[in-house]
C-alpha atoms as a PDB file:
ATOM      1  CA  UNK A   1      96.863 -76.014  89.464  1.00  0.00           C
ATOM      2  CA  UNK A   2      99.157 -78.824  88.298  1.00  0.00           C
ATOM      3  CA  UNK A   3     102.834 -78.531  89.125  1.00  0.00           C
ATOM      4  CA  UNK A   4     102.420 -75.990  91.923  1.00  0.00           C
ATOM      5  CA  UNK A   5     103.966 -78.285  94.540  1.00  0.00           C
ATOM      6  CA  UNK A   6     100.845 -79.085  96.578  1.00  0.00           C
ATOM      7  CA  UNK A   7     101.638 -82.795  96.798  1.00  0.00           C
ATOM      8  CA  UNK A   8     105.247 -82.086  97.710  1.00  0.00           C
ATOM      9  CA  UNK A   9     104.180 -79.860 100.598  1.00  0.00           C
ATOM     10  CA  UNK A  10     101.474 -82.304 101.703  1.00  0.00           C
ATOM     11  CA  UNK A  11     103.948 -85.202 101.729  1.00  0.00           C
ATOM     12  CA  UNK A  12     106.454 -83.152 103.729  1.00  0.00           C
ATOM     13  CA  UNK A  13     103.778 -82.265 106.278  1.00  0.00           C
ATOM     14  CA  UNK A  14     102.607 -85.892 106.586  1.00  0.00           C
ATOM     15  CA  UNK A  15     106.182 -87.018 107.183  1.00  0.00           C
ATOM     16  CA  UNK A  16     106.394 -84.439 109.976  1.00  0.00           C
ATOM     17  CA  UNK A  17     103.261 -85.668 111.772  1.00  0.00           C
ATOM     18  CA  UNK A  18     100.797 -83.108 110.413  1.00  0.00           C
ATOM     19  CA  UNK A  19      97.274 -84.151 109.483  1.00  0.00           C
ATOM     20  CA  UNK A  20      96.696 -83.331 105.816  1.00  0.00           C
ATOM     21  CA  UNK A  21      93.359 -83.059 104.049  1.00  0.00           C
ATOM     22  CA  UNK A  22      92.904 -82.457 100.359  1.00  0.00           C
ATOM     23  CA  UNK A  23      89.805 -81.338  98.546  1.00  0.00           C
ATOM     24  CA  UNK A  24      90.295 -84.218  96.124  1.00  0.00           C
ATOM     25  CA  UNK A  25      90.111 -86.661  99.039  1.00  0.00           C
ATOM     26  CA  UNK A  26      86.805 -85.135 100.144  1.00  0.00           C
ATOM     27  CA  UNK A  27      85.307 -85.700  96.681  1.00  0.00           C
ATOM     28  CA  UNK A  28      86.676 -89.262  96.609  1.00  0.00           C
ATOM     29  CA  UNK A  29      85.003 -89.963  99.974  1.00  0.00           C
ATOM     30  CA  UNK A  30      81.679 -88.709  98.579  1.00  0.00           C
ATOM     31  CA  UNK A  31      82.136 -90.923  95.508  1.00  0.00           C
ATOM     32  CA  UNK A  32      82.772 -93.974  97.692  1.00  0.00           C
ATOM     33  CA  UNK A  33      79.652 -93.172  99.748  1.00  0.00           C
ATOM     34  CA  UNK A  34      77.723 -93.307  96.450  1.00  0.00           C
ATOM     35  CA  UNK A  35      79.473 -96.540  95.388  1.00  0.00           C
ATOM     36  CA  UNK A  36      81.067 -94.853  92.384  1.00  0.00           C
ATOM     37  CA  UNK A  37      84.297 -96.049  90.825  1.00  0.00           C
ATOM     38  CA  UNK A  38      87.115 -93.603  91.458  1.00  0.00           C
ATOM     39  CA  UNK A  39      87.866 -92.466  87.933  1.00  0.00           C
ATOM     40  CA  UNK A  40      88.178 -89.045  86.332  1.00  0.00           C
ATOM     41  CA  UNK A  41      84.771 -89.219  84.637  1.00  0.00           C
ATOM     42  CA  UNK A  42      82.873 -90.111  87.822  1.00  0.00           C
ATOM     43  CA  UNK A  43      84.767 -87.663  90.018  1.00  0.00           C
ATOM     44  CA  UNK A  44      84.269 -84.852  87.514  1.00  0.00           C
ATOM     45  CA  UNK A  45      80.559 -85.592  87.167  1.00  0.00           C
ATOM     46  CA  UNK A  46      80.162 -85.797  90.930  1.00  0.00           C
ATOM     47  CA  UNK A  47      81.896 -82.456  91.418  1.00  0.00           C
ATOM     48  CA  UNK A  48      79.619 -80.821  88.849  1.00  0.00           C
ATOM     49  CA  UNK A  49      76.495 -82.288  90.436  1.00  0.00           C
ATOM     50  CA  UNK A  50      77.598 -81.230  93.933  1.00  0.00           C
ATOM     51  CA  UNK A  51      78.159 -77.699  92.669  1.00  0.00           C
ATOM     52  CA  UNK A  52      74.703 -77.638  91.107  1.00  0.00           C
ATOM     53  CA  UNK A  53      72.923 -79.229  94.092  1.00  0.00           C
ATOM     54  CA  UNK A  54      74.737 -77.295  96.802  1.00  0.00           C
ATOM     55  CA  UNK A  55      74.885 -74.003  94.887  1.00  0.00           C
ATOM     56  CA  UNK A  56      78.345 -73.026  94.014  1.00  0.00           C
ATOM     57  CA  UNK A  57      81.951 -73.583  93.210  1.00  0.00           C
ATOM     58  CA  UNK A  58      82.891 -73.469  96.887  1.00  0.00           C
ATOM     59  CA  UNK A  59      81.153 -76.735  97.779  1.00  0.00           C
ATOM     60  CA  UNK A  60      84.455 -78.583  98.092  1.00  0.00           C
ATOM     61  CA  UNK A  61      85.657 -76.005 100.627  1.00  0.00           C
ATOM     62  CA  UNK A  62      82.341 -76.248 102.502  1.00  0.00           C
ATOM     63  CA  UNK A  63      82.664 -80.039 102.665  1.00  0.00           C
ATOM     64  CA  UNK A  64      86.228 -79.632 103.898  1.00  0.00           C
ATOM     65  CA  UNK A  65      85.041 -77.319 106.694  1.00  0.00           C
ATOM     66  CA  UNK A  66      82.386 -79.862 107.722  1.00  0.00           C
ATOM     67  CA  UNK A  67      85.123 -82.490 107.927  1.00  0.00           C
ATOM     68  CA  UNK A  68      87.362 -80.467 110.210  1.00  0.00           C
ATOM     69  CA  UNK A  69      84.715 -78.908 112.443  1.00  0.00           C
END
């Protein structure tokens, strides 16, 4: 949801010593593990393939939970 203020809030929290995770960062980490260039085409394709392989649109949230647990 572009323009909703997510980055503004995240930056504020970082500046105030909070640990911030973003779902986009999780996908970028997966792309780097696969030695993919971090570009829109690769990240979009990776997200689609993760959804197909791991069954569902919530895979990014599931990966986020694995990261914080």
